[in-house]
Amino acid sequence: MKKTWLTIDELALELQVSVKSIRRAYRKGQIPVERICRFVRFDLERVKEAMQGNGQGRSPFSTRSQGPRSAQGGASRRRAQRTSPRLGKTGASIAQKPRGKK
């Protein structure tokens, strides 16, 4: 007899996807989840039904469903650099000044 309530690890093993994919899908609301206190449990039949109903049969675990995430044409995706120097006290400037007694 199969278990009706599965943990994240058991569901990931059953669907052959990563645990991270399961967490991402239930946080987005793509698969149903039951919360019991602070634990999350999944009903395998309801999850399979939801996977069939999501976006005309598309699985929430399919790869590249949001489009390309990498930079196009060899362009890098670096963060913007700071144009002005950092303002405020740093560890080096604090350490140079001796503390005075009050």
PDB file of N, CA and C in Angstrom:
ATOM      1  N   MET A   1       0.840  -1.180   0.000  1.00  0.00           N
ATOM      2  CA  MET A   1       0.000   0.000   0.000  1.00  0.00           C
ATOM      3  C   MET A   1       0.886   1.245   0.000  1.00  0.00           C
ATOM      4  N   LYS A   2       0.557   2.211  -0.849  1.00  0.00           N
ATOM      5  CA  LYS A   2       1.364   3.427  -0.953  1.00  0.00           C
ATOM      6  C   LYS A   2       0.974   4.429   0.126  1.00  0.00           C
ATOM      7  N   LYS A   3       1.951   5.237   0.490  1.00  0.00           N
ATOM      8  CA  LYS A   3       1.683   6.308   1.442  1.00  0.00           C
ATOM      9  C   LYS A   3       0.877   7.393   0.736  1.00  0.00           C
ATOM     10  N   THR A   4      -0.021   8.018   1.469  1.00  0.00           N
ATOM     11  CA  THR A   4      -0.810   9.072   0.849  1.00  0.00           C
ATOM     12  C   THR A   4      -0.135  10.425   0.996  1.00  0.00           C
ATOM     13  N   TRP A   5       0.545  10.666   2.095  1.00  0.00           N
ATOM     14  CA  TRP A   5       1.213  11.940   2.314  1.00  0.00           C
ATOM     15  C   TRP A   5       2.717  11.754   2.149  1.00  0.00           C
ATOM     16  N   LEU A   6       3.301  12.477   1.207  1.00  0.00           N
ATOM     17  CA  LEU A   6       4.727  12.357   0.921  1.00  0.00           C
ATOM     18  C   LEU A   6       5.473  13.594   1.395  1.00  0.00           C
ATOM     19  N   THR A   7       6.701  13.395   1.836  1.00  0.00           N
ATOM     20  CA  THR A   7       7.570  14.523   2.170  1.00  0.00           C
ATOM     21  C   THR A   7       8.183  15.063   0.883  1.00  0.00           C
ATOM     22  N   ILE A   8       8.930  16.145   0.990  1.00  0.00           N
ATOM     23  CA  ILE A   8       9.570  16.729  -0.181  1.00  0.00           C
ATOM     24  C   ILE A   8      10.548  15.742  -0.804  1.00  0.00           C
ATOM     25  N   ASP A   9      11.339  15.090   0.033  1.00  0.00           N
ATOM     26  CA  ASP A   9      12.321  14.135  -0.476  1.00  0.00           C
ATOM     27  C   ASP A   9      11.648  12.962  -1.188  1.00  0.00           C
ATOM     28  N   GLU A  10      10.579  12.446  -0.599  1.00  0.00           N
ATOM     29  CA  GLU A  10       9.879  11.317  -1.207  1.00  0.00           C
ATOM     30  C   GLU A  10       9.217  11.711  -2.526  1.00  0.00           C
ATOM     31  N   LEU A  11       8.639  12.907  -2.582  1.00  0.00           N
ATOM     32  CA  LEU A  11       8.002  13.372  -3.818  1.00  0.00           C
ATOM     33  C   LEU A  11       9.045  13.598  -4.907  1.00  0.00           C
ATOM     34  N   ALA A  12      10.182  14.157  -4.539  1.00  0.00           N
ATOM     35  CA  ALA A  12      11.245  14.377  -5.517  1.00  0.00           C
ATOM     36  C   ALA A  12      11.740  13.047  -6.081  1.00  0.00           C
ATOM     37  N   LEU A  13      11.860  12.051  -5.238  1.00  0.00           N
ATOM     38  CA  LEU A  13      12.288  10.722  -5.681  1.00  0.00           C
ATOM     39  C   LEU A  13      11.234  10.089  -6.595  1.00  0.00           C
ATOM     40  N   GLU A  14       9.983  10.256  -6.239  1.00  0.00           N
ATOM     41  CA  GLU A  14       8.884   9.682  -7.027  1.00  0.00           C
ATOM     42  C   GLU A  14       8.782  10.321  -8.411  1.00  0.00           C
ATOM     43  N   LEU A  15       8.936  11.660  -8.476  1.00  0.00           N
ATOM     44  CA  LEU A  15       8.811  12.378  -9.748  1.00  0.00           C
ATOM     45  C   LEU A  15      10.138  12.485 -10.499  1.00  0.00           C
ATOM     46  N   GLN A  16      11.209  12.049  -9.877  1.00  0.00           N
ATOM     47  CA  GLN A  16      12.554  12.091 -10.456  1.00  0.00           C
ATOM     48  C   GLN A  16      12.978  13.510 -10.824  1.00  0.00           C
ATOM     49  N   VAL A  17      12.768  14.427  -9.882  1.00  0.00           N
ATOM     50  CA  VAL A  17      13.234  15.806 -10.002  1.00  0.00           C
ATOM     51  C   VAL A  17      13.971  16.148  -8.720  1.00  0.00           C
ATOM     52  N   SER A  18      14.621  17.300  -8.694  1.00  0.00           N
ATOM     53  CA  SER A  18      15.371  17.689  -7.504  1.00  0.00           C
ATOM     54  C   SER A  18      14.439  18.247  -6.428  1.00  0.00           C
ATOM     55  N   VAL A  19      14.923  18.221  -5.202  1.00  0.00           N
ATOM     56  CA  VAL A  19      14.181  18.773  -4.073  1.00  0.00           C
ATOM     57  C   VAL A  19      13.976  20.273  -4.273  1.00  0.00           C
ATOM     58  N   LYS A  20      14.976  20.909  -4.841  1.00  0.00           N
ATOM     59  CA  LYS A  20      14.899  22.353  -5.108  1.00  0.00           C
ATOM     60  C   LYS A  20      13.746  22.677  -6.065  1.00  0.00           C
ATOM     61  N   SER A  21      13.539  21.826  -7.061  1.00  0.00           N
ATOM     62  CA  SER A  21      12.443  22.030  -8.011  1.00  0.00           C
ATOM     63  C   SER A  21      11.085  21.888  -7.335  1.00  0.00           C
ATOM     64  N   ILE A  22      10.981  20.939  -6.411  1.00  0.00           N
ATOM     65  CA  ILE A  22       9.732  20.754  -5.673  1.00  0.00           C
ATOM     66  C   ILE A  22       9.433  21.992  -4.834  1.00  0.00           C
ATOM     67  N   ARG A  23      10.445  22.478  -4.112  1.00  0.00           N
ATOM     68  CA  ARG A  23      10.241  23.676  -3.282  1.00  0.00           C
ATOM     69  C   ARG A  23       9.849  24.881  -4.126  1.00  0.00           C
ATOM     70  N   ARG A  24      10.522  25.055  -5.247  1.00  0.00           N
ATOM     71  CA  ARG A  24      10.216  26.177  -6.136  1.00  0.00           C
ATOM     72  C   ARG A  24       8.780  26.093  -6.642  1.00  0.00           C
ATOM     73  N   ALA A  25       8.329  24.899  -7.004  1.00  0.00           N
ATOM     74  CA  ALA A  25       6.989  24.719  -7.561  1.00  0.00           C
ATOM     75  C   ALA A  25       5.903  24.970  -6.520  1.00  0.00           C
ATOM     76  N   TYR A  26       6.084  24.488  -5.287  1.00  0.00           N
ATOM     77  CA  TYR A  26       5.007  24.716  -4.317  1.00  0.00           C
ATOM     78  C   TYR A  26       5.010  26.144  -3.802  1.00  0.00           C
ATOM     79  N   ARG A  27       6.149  26.821  -3.783  1.00  0.00           N
ATOM     80  CA  ARG A  27       6.153  28.233  -3.381  1.00  0.00           C
ATOM     81  C   ARG A  27       5.483  29.112  -4.420  1.00  0.00           C
ATOM     82  N   LYS A  28       5.596  28.740  -5.695  1.00  0.00           N
ATOM     83  CA  LYS A  28       4.937  29.483  -6.771  1.00  0.00           C
ATOM     84  C   LYS A  28       3.464  29.124  -6.888  1.00  0.00           C
ATOM     85  N   GLY A  29       3.040  28.066  -6.184  1.00  0.00           N
ATOM     86  CA  GLY A  29       1.654  27.646  -6.246  1.00  0.00           C
ATOM     87  C   GLY A  29       1.354  26.738  -7.420  1.00  0.00           C
ATOM     88  N   GLN A  30       2.366  26.147  -8.028  1.00  0.00           N
ATOM     89  CA  GLN A  30       2.157  25.288  -9.189  1.00  0.00           C
ATOM     90  C   GLN A  30       1.725  23.884  -8.803  1.00  0.00           C
ATOM     91  N   ILE A  31       2.055  23.440  -7.602  1.00  0.00           N
ATOM     92  CA  ILE A  31       1.598  22.134  -7.122  1.00  0.00           C
ATOM     93  C   ILE A  31       0.961  22.327  -5.747  1.00  0.00           C
ATOM     94  N   PRO A  32      -0.066  21.526  -5.446  1.00  0.00           N
ATOM     95  CA  PRO A  32      -0.752  21.680  -4.152  1.00  0.00           C
ATOM     96  C   PRO A  32       0.079  21.119  -3.008  1.00  0.00           C
ATOM     97  N   VAL A  33      -0.020  21.770  -1.873  1.00  0.00           N
ATOM     98  CA  VAL A  33       0.730  21.369  -0.688  1.00  0.00           C
ATOM     99  C   VAL A  33      -0.186  21.463   0.524  1.00  0.00           C
ATOM    100  N   GLU A  34      -0.010  20.559   1.447  1.00  0.00           N
ATOM    101  CA  GLU A  34      -0.738  20.605   2.716  1.00  0.00           C
ATOM    102  C   GLU A  34       0.258  20.932   3.810  1.00  0.00           C
ATOM    103  N   ARG A  35      -0.043  21.928   4.600  1.00  0.00           N
ATOM    104  CA  ARG A  35       0.828  22.304   5.707  1.00  0.00           C
ATOM    105  C   ARG A  35       0.247  21.739   6.998  1.00  0.00           C
ATOM    106  N   ILE A  36       1.069  20.965   7.677  1.00  0.00           N
ATOM    107  CA  ILE A  36       0.688  20.393   8.957  1.00  0.00           C
ATOM    108  C   ILE A  36       1.676  20.955   9.967  1.00  0.00           C
ATOM    109  N   CYS A  37       1.206  21.904  10.753  1.00  0.00           N
ATOM    110  CA  CYS A  37       2.075  22.690  11.638  1.00  0.00           C
ATOM    111  C   CYS A  37       3.150  23.352  10.783  1.00  0.00           C
ATOM    112  N   ARG A  38       4.386  22.984  10.960  1.00  0.00           N
ATOM    113  CA  ARG A  38       5.438  23.601  10.158  1.00  0.00           C
ATOM    114  C   ARG A  38       5.951  22.675   9.066  1.00  0.00           C
ATOM    115  N   PHE A  39       5.319  21.507   8.931  1.00  0.00           N
ATOM    116  CA  PHE A  39       5.733  20.522   7.936  1.00  0.00           C
ATOM    117  C   PHE A  39       4.888  20.666   6.683  1.00  0.00           C
ATOM    118  N   VAL A  40       5.469  20.320   5.539  1.00  0.00           N
ATOM    119  CA  VAL A  40       4.721  20.304   4.286  1.00  0.00           C
ATOM    120  C   VAL A  40       4.620  18.861   3.819  1.00  0.00           C
ATOM    121  N   ARG A  41       3.440  18.492   3.343  1.00  0.00           N
ATOM    122  CA  ARG A  41       3.197  17.149   2.841  1.00  0.00           C
ATOM    123  C   ARG A  41       2.441  17.263   1.520  1.00  0.00           C
ATOM    124  N   PHE A  42       2.644  16.287   0.657  1.00  0.00           N
ATOM    125  CA  PHE A  42       2.068  16.296  -0.678  1.00  0.00           C
ATOM    126  C   PHE A  42       1.274  15.022  -0.912  1.00  0.00           C
ATOM    127  N   ASP A  43       0.130  15.158  -1.584  1.00  0.00           N
ATOM    128  CA  ASP A  43      -0.645  14.009  -2.032  1.00  0.00           C
ATOM    129  C   ASP A  43      -0.247  13.765  -3.485  1.00  0.00           C
ATOM    130  N   LEU A  44       0.313  12.591  -3.758  1.00  0.00           N
ATOM    131  CA  LEU A  44       0.877  12.297  -5.070  1.00  0.00           C
ATOM    132  C   LEU A  44      -0.159  12.417  -6.184  1.00  0.00           C
ATOM    133  N   GLU A  45      -1.366  11.945  -5.947  1.00  0.00           N
ATOM    134  CA  GLU A  45      -2.410  12.008  -6.983  1.00  0.00           C
ATOM    135  C   GLU A  45      -2.774  13.461  -7.307  1.00  0.00           C
ATOM    136  N   ARG A  46      -2.917  14.300  -6.271  1.00  0.00           N
ATOM    137  CA  ARG A  46      -3.250  15.711  -6.517  1.00  0.00           C
ATOM    138  C   ARG A  46      -2.118  16.434  -7.223  1.00  0.00           C
ATOM    139  N   VAL A  47      -0.870  16.097  -6.897  1.00  0.00           N
ATOM    140  CA  VAL A  47       0.280  16.717  -7.563  1.00  0.00           C
ATOM    141  C   VAL A  47       0.304  16.331  -9.038  1.00  0.00           C
ATOM    142  N   LYS A  48       0.044  15.065  -9.329  1.00  0.00           N
ATOM    143  CA  LYS A  48       0.031  14.626 -10.734  1.00  0.00           C
ATOM    144  C   LYS A  48      -1.094  15.290 -11.515  1.00  0.00           C
ATOM    145  N   GLU A  49      -2.257  15.451 -10.871  1.00  0.00           N
ATOM    146  CA  GLU A  49      -3.371  16.148 -11.523  1.00  0.00           C
ATOM    147  C   GLU A  49      -3.006  17.603 -11.804  1.00  0.00           C
ATOM    148  N   ALA A  50      -2.362  18.257 -10.857  1.00  0.00           N
ATOM    149  CA  ALA A  50      -1.970  19.656 -11.029  1.00  0.00           C
ATOM    150  C   ALA A  50      -0.928  19.798 -12.136  1.00  0.00           C
ATOM    151  N   MET A  51      -0.041  18.819 -12.227  1.00  0.00           N
ATOM    152  CA  MET A  51       0.973  18.868 -13.280  1.00  0.00           C
ATOM    153  C   MET A  51       0.336  18.732 -14.656  1.00  0.00           C
ATOM    154  N   GLN A  52      -0.734  17.929 -14.763  1.00  0.00           N
ATOM    155  CA  GLN A  52      -1.440  17.791 -16.029  1.00  0.00           C
ATOM    156  C   GLN A  52      -2.208  19.063 -16.371  1.00  0.00           C
ATOM    157  N   GLY A  53      -2.738  19.746 -15.363  1.00  0.00           N
ATOM    158  CA  GLY A  53      -3.545  20.941 -15.594  1.00  0.00           C
ATOM    159  C   GLY A  53      -2.757  22.222 -15.755  1.00  0.00           C
ATOM    160  N   ASN A  54      -1.482  22.237 -15.359  1.00  0.00           N
ATOM    161  CA  ASN A  54      -0.672  23.459 -15.450  1.00  0.00           C
ATOM    162  C   ASN A  54      -0.278  23.744 -16.889  1.00  0.00           C
ATOM    163  N   GLY A  55      -0.834  24.799 -17.448  1.00  0.00           N
ATOM    164  CA  GLY A  55      -0.403  25.282 -18.753  1.00  0.00           C
ATOM    165  C   GLY A  55      -0.502  24.269 -19.876  1.00  0.00           C
ATOM    166  N   GLN A  56      -1.648  23.667 -20.080  1.00  0.00           N
ATOM    167  CA  GLN A  56      -1.902  22.727 -21.162  1.00  0.00           C
ATOM    168  C   GLN A  56      -0.906  21.562 -21.162  1.00  0.00           C
ATOM    169  N   GLY A  57      -0.755  20.930 -20.018  1.00  0.00           N
ATOM    170  CA  GLY A  57       0.069  19.736 -19.932  1.00  0.00           C
ATOM    171  C   GLY A  57       1.538  19.983 -19.674  1.00  0.00           C
ATOM    172  N   ARG A  58       1.949  21.244 -19.571  1.00  0.00           N
ATOM    173  CA  ARG A  58       3.358  21.531 -19.267  1.00  0.00           C
ATOM    174  C   ARG A  58       3.622  21.255 -17.808  1.00  0.00           C
ATOM    175  N   SER A  59       4.690  20.613 -17.528  1.00  0.00           N
ATOM    176  CA  SER A  59       5.066  20.310 -16.153  1.00  0.00           C
ATOM    177  C   SER A  59       5.705  21.533 -15.507  1.00  0.00           C
ATOM    178  N   PRO A  60       5.477  21.776 -14.219  1.00  0.00           N
ATOM    179  CA  PRO A  60       6.153  22.883 -13.559  1.00  0.00           C
ATOM    180  C   PRO A  60       7.640  22.633 -13.402  1.00  0.00           C
ATOM    181  N   PHE A  61       8.082  21.417 -13.710  1.00  0.00           N
ATOM    182  CA  PHE A  61       9.487  21.074 -13.560  1.00  0.00           C
ATOM    183  C   PHE A  61      10.234  21.098 -14.883  1.00  0.00           C
ATOM    184  N   SER A  62       9.584  21.554 -15.961  1.00  0.00           N
ATOM    185  CA  SER A  62      10.277  21.571 -17.244  1.00  0.00           C
ATOM    186  C   SER A  62      11.371  22.622 -17.236  1.00  0.00           C
ATOM    187  N   THR A  63      12.437  22.356 -17.956  1.00  0.00           N
ATOM    188  CA  THR A  63      13.571  23.273 -17.989  1.00  0.00           C
ATOM    189  C   THR A  63      13.343  24.357 -19.021  1.00  0.00           C
ATOM    190  N   ARG A  64      13.875  25.503 -18.747  1.00  0.00           N
ATOM    191  CA  ARG A  64      13.820  26.650 -19.649  1.00  0.00           C
ATOM    192  C   ARG A  64      12.405  27.083 -19.998  1.00  0.00           C
ATOM    193  N   SER A  65      11.506  27.033 -19.037  1.00  0.00           N
ATOM    194  CA  SER A  65      10.142  27.476 -19.301  1.00  0.00           C
ATOM    195  C   SER A  65      10.027  29.002 -19.253  1.00  0.00           C
ATOM    196  N   GLN A  66      10.981  29.678 -18.613  1.00  0.00           N
ATOM    197  CA  GLN A  66      10.931  31.129 -18.521  1.00  0.00           C
ATOM    198  C   GLN A  66      11.749  31.806 -19.606  1.00  0.00           C
ATOM    199  N   GLY A  67      12.420  31.047 -20.454  1.00  0.00           N
ATOM    200  CA  GLY A  67      13.275  31.647 -21.477  1.00  0.00           C
ATOM    201  C   GLY A  67      14.719  31.632 -21.031  1.00  0.00           C
ATOM    202  N   PRO A  68      15.606  32.154 -21.869  1.00  0.00           N
ATOM    203  CA  PRO A  68      17.029  32.110 -21.519  1.00  0.00           C
ATOM    204  C   PRO A  68      17.338  33.022 -20.345  1.00  0.00           C
ATOM    205  N   ARG A  69      18.177  32.542 -19.444  1.00  0.00           N
ATOM    206  CA  ARG A  69      18.547  33.321 -18.274  1.00  0.00           C
ATOM    207  C   ARG A  69      19.976  33.828 -18.372  1.00  0.00           C
ATOM    208  N   SER A  70      20.706  33.390 -19.375  1.00  0.00           N
ATOM    209  CA  SER A  70      22.090  33.819 -19.494  1.00  0.00           C
ATOM    210  C   SER A  70      22.182  35.027 -20.419  1.00  0.00           C
ATOM    211  N   ALA A  71      23.316  35.705 -20.376  1.00  0.00           N
ATOM    212  CA  ALA A  71      23.526  36.879 -21.206  1.00  0.00           C
ATOM    213  C   ALA A  71      23.629  36.457 -22.667  1.00  0.00           C
ATOM    214  N   GLN A  72      23.125  37.269 -23.554  1.00  0.00           N
ATOM    215  CA  GLN A  72      23.110  36.956 -24.973  1.00  0.00           C
ATOM    216  C   GLN A  72      24.297  37.588 -25.686  1.00  0.00           C
ATOM    217  N   GLY A  73      24.788  36.927 -26.705  1.00  0.00           N
ATOM    218  CA  GLY A  73      25.829  37.499 -27.557  1.00  0.00           C
ATOM    219  C   GLY A  73      27.172  37.665 -26.871  1.00  0.00           C
ATOM    220  N   GLY A  74      27.456  36.881 -25.864  1.00  0.00           N
ATOM    221  CA  GLY A  74      28.742  36.970 -25.190  1.00  0.00           C
ATOM    222  C   GLY A  74      28.861  38.117 -24.203  1.00  0.00           C
ATOM    223  N   ALA A  75      27.794  38.879 -24.012  1.00  0.00           N
ATOM    224  CA  ALA A  75      27.835  39.989 -23.060  1.00  0.00           C
ATOM    225  C   ALA A  75      27.810  39.431 -21.641  1.00  0.00           C
ATOM    226  N   SER A  76      28.556  40.056 -20.772  1.00  0.00           N
ATOM    227  CA  SER A  76      28.587  39.577 -19.395  1.00  0.00           C
ATOM    228  C   SER A  76      27.441  40.196 -18.612  1.00  0.00           C
ATOM    229  N   ARG A  77      27.097  39.571 -17.517  1.00  0.00           N
ATOM    230  CA  ARG A  77      26.034  40.069 -16.662  1.00  0.00           C
ATOM    231  C   ARG A  77      26.624  40.561 -15.360  1.00  0.00           C
ATOM    232  N   ARG A  78      27.567  41.447 -15.429  1.00  0.00           N
ATOM    233  CA  ARG A  78      28.210  41.964 -14.226  1.00  0.00           C
ATOM    234  C   ARG A  78      27.329  42.999 -13.550  1.00  0.00           C
ATOM    235  N   ARG A  79      27.536  43.129 -12.276  1.00  0.00           N
ATOM    236  CA  ARG A  79      26.810  44.148 -11.521  1.00  0.00           C
ATOM    237  C   ARG A  79      27.392  45.513 -11.804  1.00  0.00           C
ATOM    238  N   ALA A  80      26.576  46.532 -11.623  1.00  0.00           N
ATOM    239  CA  ALA A  80      27.041  47.898 -11.813  1.00  0.00           C
ATOM    240  C   ALA A  80      28.058  48.232 -10.730  1.00  0.00           C
ATOM    241  N   GLN A  81      29.133  48.876 -11.128  1.00  0.00           N
ATOM    242  CA  GLN A  81      30.183  49.228 -10.176  1.00  0.00           C
ATOM    243  C   GLN A  81      29.850  50.550  -9.503  1.00  0.00           C
ATOM    244  N   ARG A  82      30.323  50.709  -8.281  1.00  0.00           N
ATOM    245  CA  ARG A  82      30.133  51.936  -7.529  1.00  0.00           C
ATOM    246  C   ARG A  82      30.957  53.052  -8.173  1.00  0.00           C
ATOM    247  N   THR A  83      30.350  54.220  -8.368  1.00  0.00           N
ATOM    248  CA  THR A  83      31.068  55.322  -9.008  1.00  0.00           C
ATOM    249  C   THR A  83      31.794  56.201  -7.995  1.00  0.00           C
ATOM    250  N   SER A  84      31.296  56.287  -6.785  1.00  0.00           N
ATOM    251  CA  SER A  84      31.939  57.126  -5.784  1.00  0.00           C
ATOM    252  C   SER A  84      32.597  56.241  -4.728  1.00  0.00           C
ATOM    253  N   PRO A  85      33.594  56.780  -4.030  1.00  0.00           N
ATOM    254  CA  PRO A  85      34.209  55.967  -2.976  1.00  0.00           C
ATOM    255  C   PRO A  85      33.229  55.737  -1.834  1.00  0.00           C
ATOM    256  N   ARG A  86      33.482  54.697  -1.094  1.00  0.00           N
ATOM    257  CA  ARG A  86      32.613  54.353   0.019  1.00  0.00           C
ATOM    258  C   ARG A  86      32.721  55.409   1.113  1.00  0.00           C
ATOM    259  N   LEU A  87      31.594  55.866   1.568  1.00  0.00           N
ATOM    260  CA  LEU A  87      31.561  56.879   2.612  1.00  0.00           C
ATOM    261  C   LEU A  87      31.307  56.210   3.951  1.00  0.00           C
ATOM    262  N   GLY A  88      31.824  56.805   4.989  1.00  0.00           N
ATOM    263  CA  GLY A  88      31.616  56.263   6.316  1.00  0.00           C
ATOM    264  C   GLY A  88      32.886  55.650   6.853  1.00  0.00           C
ATOM    265  N   LYS A  89      32.809  55.203   8.069  1.00  0.00           N
ATOM    266  CA  LYS A  89      33.990  54.663   8.730  1.00  0.00           C
ATOM    267  C   LYS A  89      34.189  53.211   8.323  1.00  0.00           C
ATOM    268  N   THR A  90      35.427  52.871   8.133  1.00  0.00           N
ATOM    269  CA  THR A  90      35.779  51.485   7.857  1.00  0.00           C
ATOM    270  C   THR A  90      36.574  50.961   9.040  1.00  0.00           C
ATOM    271  N   GLY A  91      36.855  49.699   9.036  1.00  0.00           N
ATOM    272  CA  GLY A  91      37.591  49.103  10.140  1.00  0.00           C
ATOM    273  C   GLY A  91      38.969  49.703  10.309  1.00  0.00           C
ATOM    274  N   ALA A  92      39.645  50.034   9.197  1.00  0.00           N
ATOM    275  CA  ALA A  92      40.997  50.586   9.273  1.00  0.00           C
ATOM    276  C   ALA A  92      40.993  51.980   9.882  1.00  0.00           C
ATOM    277  N   SER A  93      40.028  52.815   9.532  1.00  0.00           N
ATOM    278  CA  SER A  93      40.012  54.173  10.063  1.00  0.00           C
ATOM    279  C   SER A  93      39.607  54.194  11.530  1.00  0.00           C
ATOM    280  N   ILE A  94      38.806  53.261  11.948  1.00  0.00           N
ATOM    281  CA  ILE A  94      38.399  53.195  13.344  1.00  0.00           C
ATOM    282  C   ILE A  94      39.564  52.741  14.218  1.00  0.00           C
ATOM    283  N   ALA A  95      40.320  51.778  13.709  1.00  0.00           N
ATOM    284  CA  ALA A  95      41.419  51.218  14.491  1.00  0.00           C
ATOM    285  C   ALA A  95      42.562  52.194  14.694  1.00  0.00           C
ATOM    286  N   GLN A  96      42.724  53.187  13.839  1.00  0.00           N
ATOM    287  CA  GLN A  96      43.816  54.139  13.932  1.00  0.00           C
ATOM    288  C   GLN A  96      43.631  55.127  15.071  1.00  0.00           C
ATOM    289  N   LYS A  97      42.400  55.443  15.399  1.00  0.00           N
ATOM    290  CA  LYS A  97      42.133  56.456  16.425  1.00  0.00           C
ATOM    291  C   LYS A  97      42.037  55.789  17.802  1.00  0.00           C
ATOM    292  N   PRO A  98      42.835  56.242  18.767  1.00  0.00           N
ATOM    293  CA  PRO A  98      42.733  55.677  20.114  1.00  0.00           C
ATOM    294  C   PRO A  98      41.463  56.175  20.801  1.00  0.00           C
ATOM    295  N   ARG A  99      40.882  55.338  21.632  1.00  0.00           N
ATOM    296  CA  ARG A  99      39.690  55.728  22.370  1.00  0.00           C
ATOM    297  C   ARG A  99      40.057  56.594  23.556  1.00  0.00           C
ATOM    298  N   GLY A 100      39.326  57.654  23.740  1.00  0.00           N
ATOM    299  CA  GLY A 100      39.572  58.546  24.885  1.00  0.00           C
ATOM    300  C   GLY A 100      38.698  58.154  26.056  1.00  0.00           C
ATOM    301  N   LYS A 101      39.163  58.483  27.240  1.00  0.00           N
ATOM    302  CA  LYS A 101      38.361  58.197  28.426  1.00  0.00           C
ATOM    303  C   LYS A 101      37.362  59.317  28.636  1.00  0.00           C
ATOM    304  N   LYS A 102      36.224  58.953  29.192  1.00  0.00           N
ATOM    305  CA  LYS A 102      35.191  59.951  29.437  1.00  0.00           C
ATOM    306  C   LYS A 102      35.240  60.461  30.832  1.00  0.00           C
TER     307      LYS A 102
END
